[in-house]
PDB file of N, CA and C in Angstrom:
ATOM      1  N   MET A   1     -21.719 -17.885   2.492  1.00  0.00           N
ATOM      2  CA  MET A   1     -21.389 -16.582   2.483  1.00  0.00           C
ATOM      3  C   MET A   1     -20.618 -16.341   1.499  1.00  0.00           C
ATOM      4  N   SER A   2     -20.456 -15.114   0.921  1.00  0.00           N
ATOM      5  CA  SER A   2     -19.653 -14.823  -0.245  1.00  0.00           C
ATOM      6  C   SER A   2     -18.235 -14.123   0.252  1.00  0.00           C
ATOM      7  N   ARG A   3     -17.406 -14.465  -0.324  1.00  0.00           N
ATOM      8  CA  ARG A   3     -16.164 -13.641   0.207  1.00  0.00           C
ATOM      9  C   ARG A   3     -15.762 -12.296  -0.010  1.00  0.00           C
ATOM     10  N   THR A   4     -16.535 -11.848  -1.294  1.00  0.00           N
ATOM     11  CA  THR A   4     -16.658 -10.464  -1.621  1.00  0.00           C
ATOM     12  C   THR A   4     -16.645  -9.356  -0.757  1.00  0.00           C
ATOM     13  N   PRO A   5     -17.634  -9.550   0.125  1.00  0.00           N
ATOM     14  CA  PRO A   5     -17.499  -8.544   1.483  1.00  0.00           C
ATOM     15  C   PRO A   5     -16.526  -8.320   2.508  1.00  0.00           C
ATOM     16  N   ILE A   6     -16.014  -9.740   2.542  1.00  0.00           N
ATOM     17  CA  ILE A   6     -14.972  -9.756   3.427  1.00  0.00           C
ATOM     18  C   ILE A   6     -13.430  -9.247   2.767  1.00  0.00           C
ATOM     19  N   ALA A   7     -13.415  -9.444   1.397  1.00  0.00           N
ATOM     20  CA  ALA A   7     -12.060  -9.390   0.838  1.00  0.00           C
ATOM     21  C   ALA A   7     -12.210  -7.622   0.844  1.00  0.00           C
ATOM     22  N   ILE A   8     -13.590  -7.020   0.321  1.00  0.00           N
ATOM     23  CA  ILE A   8     -13.516  -5.530   0.102  1.00  0.00           C
ATOM     24  C   ILE A   8     -13.147  -4.935   1.539  1.00  0.00           C
ATOM     25  N   PHE A   9     -13.587  -5.432   2.927  1.00  0.00           N
ATOM     26  CA  PHE A   9     -13.359  -4.733   3.945  1.00  0.00           C
ATOM     27  C   PHE A   9     -11.985  -5.145   4.551  1.00  0.00           C
ATOM     28  N   ALA A  10     -11.206  -6.214   4.115  1.00  0.00           N
ATOM     29  CA  ALA A  10      -9.615  -6.359   4.533  1.00  0.00           C
ATOM     30  C   ALA A  10      -8.732  -5.709   3.427  1.00  0.00           C
ATOM     31  N   GLY A  11      -9.461  -5.537   2.287  1.00  0.00           N
ATOM     32  CA  GLY A  11      -8.698  -4.750   1.351  1.00  0.00           C
ATOM     33  C   GLY A  11      -8.482  -3.438   1.590  1.00  0.00           C
ATOM     34  N   LEU A  12      -9.659  -2.700   1.863  1.00  0.00           N
ATOM     35  CA  LEU A  12      -9.698  -1.423   2.417  1.00  0.00           C
ATOM     36  C   LEU A  12      -8.838  -1.249   3.785  1.00  0.00           C
ATOM     37  N   ALA A  13      -8.931  -1.849   4.750  1.00  0.00           N
ATOM     38  CA  ALA A  13      -8.221  -1.940   6.055  1.00  0.00           C
ATOM     39  C   ALA A  13      -6.943  -2.325   5.674  1.00  0.00           C
ATOM     40  N   GLY A  14      -6.482  -3.233   5.114  1.00  0.00           N
ATOM     41  CA  GLY A  14      -4.905  -3.590   4.706  1.00  0.00           C
ATOM     42  C   GLY A  14      -4.447  -2.222   4.048  1.00  0.00           C
ATOM     43  N   PHE A  15      -5.245  -1.645   2.986  1.00  0.00           N
ATOM     44  CA  PHE A  15      -4.408  -0.666   2.176  1.00  0.00           C
ATOM     45  C   PHE A  15      -4.454   0.486   3.182  1.00  0.00           C
ATOM     46  N   LEU A  16      -5.301   0.695   4.149  1.00  0.00           N
ATOM     47  CA  LEU A  16      -5.398   2.044   5.146  1.00  0.00           C
ATOM     48  C   LEU A  16      -4.110   1.618   5.697  1.00  0.00           C
ATOM     49  N   ALA A  17      -4.013   0.651   6.432  1.00  0.00           N
ATOM     50  CA  ALA A  17      -2.668   0.123   7.272  1.00  0.00           C
ATOM     51  C   ALA A  17      -1.539   0.457   6.628  1.00  0.00           C
ATOM     52  N   TYR A  18      -1.403  -0.187   5.293  1.00  0.00           N
ATOM     53  CA  TYR A  18      -0.295   0.014   4.629  1.00  0.00           C
ATOM     54  C   TYR A  18       0.301   1.416   4.309  1.00  0.00           C
ATOM     55  N   VAL A  19      -0.778   2.213   3.798  1.00  0.00           N
ATOM     56  CA  VAL A  19      -0.487   3.717   3.809  1.00  0.00           C
ATOM     57  C   VAL A  19       0.171   4.335   4.963  1.00  0.00           C
ATOM     58  N   LEU A  20      -0.525   4.041   6.324  1.00  0.00           N
ATOM     59  CA  LEU A  20      -0.140   4.572   7.537  1.00  0.00           C
ATOM     60  C   LEU A  20       1.079   4.175   7.810  1.00  0.00           C
ATOM     61  N   VAL A  21       1.411   3.023   7.337  1.00  0.00           N
ATOM     62  CA  VAL A  21       3.027   2.664   7.657  1.00  0.00           C
ATOM     63  C   VAL A  21       4.027   3.319   7.222  1.00  0.00           C
ATOM     64  N   VAL A  22       3.608   3.253   5.407  1.00  0.00           N
ATOM     65  CA  VAL A  22       4.472   3.890   4.614  1.00  0.00           C
ATOM     66  C   VAL A  22       4.762   5.383   4.935  1.00  0.00           C
ATOM     67  N   LEU A  23       3.807   6.340   5.373  1.00  0.00           N
ATOM     68  CA  LEU A  23       3.870   7.202   5.605  1.00  0.00           C
ATOM     69  C   LEU A  23       4.578   7.704   7.058  1.00  0.00           C
ATOM     70  N   LEU A  24       4.587   6.938   8.022  1.00  0.00           N
ATOM     71  CA  LEU A  24       5.341   6.758   8.893  1.00  0.00           C
ATOM     72  C   LEU A  24       6.961   6.600   8.660  1.00  0.00           C
ATOM     73  N   VAL A  25       7.309   5.477   8.020  1.00  0.00           N
ATOM     74  CA  VAL A  25       8.462   5.221   7.475  1.00  0.00           C
ATOM     75  C   VAL A  25       9.020   6.109   6.524  1.00  0.00           C
ATOM     76  N   ALA A  26       8.161   6.979   5.719  1.00  0.00           N
ATOM     77  CA  ALA A  26       8.706   7.844   4.936  1.00  0.00           C
ATOM     78  C   ALA A  26       9.247   9.039   5.690  1.00  0.00           C
ATOM     79  N   ASP A  27       8.708   9.525   6.607  1.00  0.00           N
ATOM     80  CA  ASP A  27       9.463  10.753   7.482  1.00  0.00           C
ATOM     81  C   ASP A  27      10.921  10.692   7.552  1.00  0.00           C
ATOM     82  N   HIS A  28      11.093   9.153   8.264  1.00  0.00           N
ATOM     83  CA  HIS A  28      12.609   8.785   8.270  1.00  0.00           C
ATOM     84  C   HIS A  28      13.395   8.748   7.297  1.00  0.00           C
ATOM     85  N   VAL A  29      12.943   8.344   6.092  1.00  0.00           N
ATOM     86  CA  VAL A  29      13.411   8.074   4.781  1.00  0.00           C
ATOM     87  C   VAL A  29      13.847   9.458   4.306  1.00  0.00           C
ATOM     88  N   ARG A  30      12.958  10.527   4.361  1.00  0.00           N
ATOM     89  CA  ARG A  30      13.216  11.721   3.704  1.00  0.00           C
ATOM     90  C   ARG A  30      14.576  12.367   4.216  1.00  0.00           C
ATOM     91  N   ALA A  31      15.201  11.896   5.293  1.00  0.00           N
ATOM     92  CA  ALA A  31      16.245  12.447   5.791  1.00  0.00           C
ATOM     93  C   ALA A  31      17.833  11.669   5.130  1.00  0.00           C
ATOM     94  N   LEU A  32      17.549  10.562   4.128  1.00  0.00           N
ATOM     95  CA  LEU A  32      18.493  10.082   3.991  1.00  0.00           C
ATOM     96  C   LEU A  32      18.819  10.438   2.602  1.00  0.00           C
ATOM     97  N   HIS A  33      19.927   9.865   1.835  1.00  0.00           N
ATOM     98  CA  HIS A  33      20.356  10.168   0.783  1.00  0.00           C
ATOM     99  C   HIS A  33      19.249  10.156  -0.598  1.00  0.00           C
ATOM    100  N   TRP A  34      19.328  10.881  -1.491  1.00  0.00           N
ATOM    101  CA  TRP A  34      18.245  10.692  -2.529  1.00  0.00           C
ATOM    102  C   TRP A  34      18.029   9.594  -3.099  1.00  0.00           C
ATOM    103  N   THR A  35      18.660   8.837  -3.457  1.00  0.00           N
ATOM    104  CA  THR A  35      18.701   7.513  -4.061  1.00  0.00           C
ATOM    105  C   THR A  35      18.026   6.393  -3.157  1.00  0.00           C
ATOM    106  N   LEU A  36      18.511   6.540  -1.815  1.00  0.00           N
ATOM    107  CA  LEU A  36      17.593   5.532  -1.080  1.00  0.00           C
ATOM    108  C   LEU A  36      16.057   5.993  -0.966  1.00  0.00           C
ATOM    109  N   GLU A  37      15.902   7.347  -0.906  1.00  0.00           N
ATOM    110  CA  GLU A  37      14.705   7.713  -1.064  1.00  0.00           C
ATOM    111  C   GLU A  37      13.847   7.399  -2.173  1.00  0.00           C
ATOM    112  N   LEU A  38      14.379   7.554  -3.444  1.00  0.00           N
ATOM    113  CA  LEU A  38      13.949   6.945  -4.650  1.00  0.00           C
ATOM    114  C   LEU A  38      13.619   5.748  -4.281  1.00  0.00           C
ATOM    115  N   LEU A  39      14.407   4.804  -4.192  1.00  0.00           N
ATOM    116  CA  LEU A  39      14.364   3.285  -3.850  1.00  0.00           C
ATOM    117  C   LEU A  39      13.091   3.100  -2.945  1.00  0.00           C
ATOM    118  N   PHE A  40      13.199   3.632  -2.042  1.00  0.00           N
ATOM    119  CA  PHE A  40      12.111   3.319  -1.035  1.00  0.00           C
ATOM    120  C   PHE A  40      10.592   3.693  -1.542  1.00  0.00           C
ATOM    121  N   PHE A  41      10.526   5.000  -2.513  1.00  0.00           N
ATOM    122  CA  PHE A  41       9.173   5.330  -2.878  1.00  0.00           C
ATOM    123  C   PHE A  41       8.616   4.632  -4.099  1.00  0.00           C
ATOM    124  N   ALA A  42       9.934   3.879  -4.679  1.00  0.00           N
ATOM    125  CA  ALA A  42       9.474   3.054  -5.785  1.00  0.00           C
ATOM    126  C   ALA A  42       8.840   1.730  -5.432  1.00  0.00           C
ATOM    127  N   VAL A  43       9.688   1.103  -4.220  1.00  0.00           N
ATOM    128  CA  VAL A  43       9.270  -0.155  -3.755  1.00  0.00           C
ATOM    129  C   VAL A  43       8.018   0.098  -3.184  1.00  0.00           C
ATOM    130  N   ALA A  44       7.690   0.755  -2.237  1.00  0.00           N
ATOM    131  CA  ALA A  44       6.252   1.546  -1.539  1.00  0.00           C
ATOM    132  C   ALA A  44       5.351   1.639  -2.434  1.00  0.00           C
ATOM    133  N   GLY A  45       5.648   2.139  -3.722  1.00  0.00           N
ATOM    134  CA  GLY A  45       4.564   2.428  -4.449  1.00  0.00           C
ATOM    135  C   GLY A  45       3.910   1.066  -5.249  1.00  0.00           C
ATOM    136  N   VAL A  46       4.649   0.174  -5.454  1.00  0.00           N
ATOM    137  CA  VAL A  46       4.232  -1.234  -6.013  1.00  0.00           C
ATOM    138  C   VAL A  46       4.218  -2.320  -5.070  1.00  0.00           C
ATOM    139  N   ALA A  47       4.631  -2.241  -3.797  1.00  0.00           N
ATOM    140  CA  ALA A  47       4.500  -3.367  -2.754  1.00  0.00           C
ATOM    141  C   ALA A  47       3.150  -3.795  -2.357  1.00  0.00           C
ATOM    142  N   TRP A  48       2.051  -2.892  -2.623  1.00  0.00           N
ATOM    143  CA  TRP A  48       0.749  -3.379  -2.351  1.00  0.00           C
ATOM    144  C   TRP A  48       0.171  -4.096  -3.218  1.00  0.00           C
ATOM    145  N   VAL A  49       0.670  -4.386  -4.434  1.00  0.00           N
ATOM    146  CA  VAL A  49      -0.025  -4.949  -5.637  1.00  0.00           C
ATOM    147  C   VAL A  49      -0.105  -6.114  -5.448  1.00  0.00           C
ATOM    148  N   TRP A  50       0.791  -7.012  -4.730  1.00  0.00           N
ATOM    149  CA  TRP A  50       0.809  -8.421  -4.564  1.00  0.00           C
ATOM    150  C   TRP A  50      -0.009  -8.975  -3.672  1.00  0.00           C
ATOM    151  N   PRO A  51      -0.187  -8.326  -2.619  1.00  0.00           N
ATOM    152  CA  PRO A  51      -1.496  -8.918  -1.630  1.00  0.00           C
ATOM    153  C   PRO A  51      -2.750  -8.496  -1.956  1.00  0.00           C
ATOM    154  N   ALA A  52      -2.647  -7.517  -2.776  1.00  0.00           N
ATOM    155  CA  ALA A  52      -4.099  -7.058  -3.310  1.00  0.00           C
ATOM    156  C   ALA A  52      -4.435  -8.176  -4.225  1.00  0.00           C
ATOM    157  N   ARG A  53      -3.842  -8.584  -4.996  1.00  0.00           N
ATOM    158  CA  ARG A  53      -3.802  -9.372  -6.171  1.00  0.00           C
ATOM    159  C   ARG A  53      -4.469 -10.687  -5.304  1.00  0.00           C
ATOM    160  N   ALA A  54      -3.545 -11.152  -4.817  1.00  0.00           N
ATOM    161  CA  ALA A  54      -3.814 -12.331  -3.819  1.00  0.00           C
ATOM    162  C   ALA A  54      -5.143 -12.204  -3.231  1.00  0.00           C
ATOM    163  N   LEU A  55      -5.616 -11.262  -2.646  1.00  0.00           N
ATOM    164  CA  LEU A  55      -7.117 -10.761  -2.005  1.00  0.00           C
ATOM    165  C   LEU A  55      -8.078 -11.089  -3.101  1.00  0.00           C
ATOM    166  N   MET A  56      -7.820 -10.437  -4.153  1.00  0.00           N
ATOM    167  CA  MET A  56      -8.695 -10.525  -5.156  1.00  0.00           C
ATOM    168  C   MET A  56      -9.038 -11.919  -5.813  1.00  0.00           C
ATOM    169  N   VAL A  57      -7.917 -12.773  -5.895  1.00  0.00           N
ATOM    170  CA  VAL A  57      -7.908 -14.130  -6.416  1.00  0.00           C
ATOM    171  C   VAL A  57      -8.737 -14.922  -5.438  1.00  0.00           C
ATOM    172  N   TRP A  58      -8.309 -14.856  -4.258  1.00  0.00           N
ATOM    173  CA  TRP A  58      -9.123 -15.622  -3.043  1.00  0.00           C
ATOM    174  C   TRP A  58     -10.645 -15.156  -3.017  1.00  0.00           C
ATOM    175  N   ALA A  59     -10.897 -13.858  -3.377  1.00  0.00           N
ATOM    176  CA  ALA A  59     -12.206 -13.512  -3.326  1.00  0.00           C
ATOM    177  C   ALA A  59     -13.052 -13.983  -4.650  1.00  0.00           C
ATOM    178  N   VAL A  60     -12.480 -14.324  -5.452  1.00  0.00           N
ATOM    179  CA  VAL A  60     -13.042 -14.616  -6.891  1.00  0.00           C
ATOM    180  C   VAL A  60     -13.102 -16.267  -6.648  1.00  0.00           C
ATOM    181  N   ARG A  61     -12.068 -17.069  -6.231  1.00  0.00           N
ATOM    182  CA  ARG A  61     -12.486 -18.284  -6.247  1.00  0.00           C
ATOM    183  C   ARG A  61     -13.303 -18.926  -5.180  1.00  0.00           C
ATOM    184  N   GLY A  62     -13.860 -18.131  -4.611  1.00  0.00           N
ATOM    185  CA  GLY A  62     -14.862 -18.161  -3.380  1.00  0.00           C
ATOM    186  C   GLY A  62     -16.294 -18.247  -3.985  1.00  0.00           C
ATOM    187  N   GLY A  63     -16.324 -18.110  -5.042  1.00  0.00           N
ATOM    188  CA  GLY A  63     -17.799 -17.936  -5.780  1.00  0.00           C
ATOM    189  C   GLY A  63     -18.475 -16.647  -5.603  1.00  0.00           C
ATOM    190  N   GLY A  64     -17.766 -15.479  -5.236  1.00  0.00           N
ATOM    191  CA  GLY A  64     -18.172 -13.974  -5.004  1.00  0.00           C
ATOM    192  C   GLY A  64     -18.593 -13.430  -6.168  1.00  0.00           C
TER     193      GLY A  64
END
């Protein structure tokens, strides 16, 4: 079985969960100082890249 369908489903589900968590945390961060808010959104904006890259590498190595 190809890893590609598994990676697509896992990627979409993981990204949706990530967005939901970021949105929930962002509600609390909005009340903090603007520098902490900036730092949070900068980190949250790029933190999804590494797990997504690892998932893509895993899917390609499986012959998908």
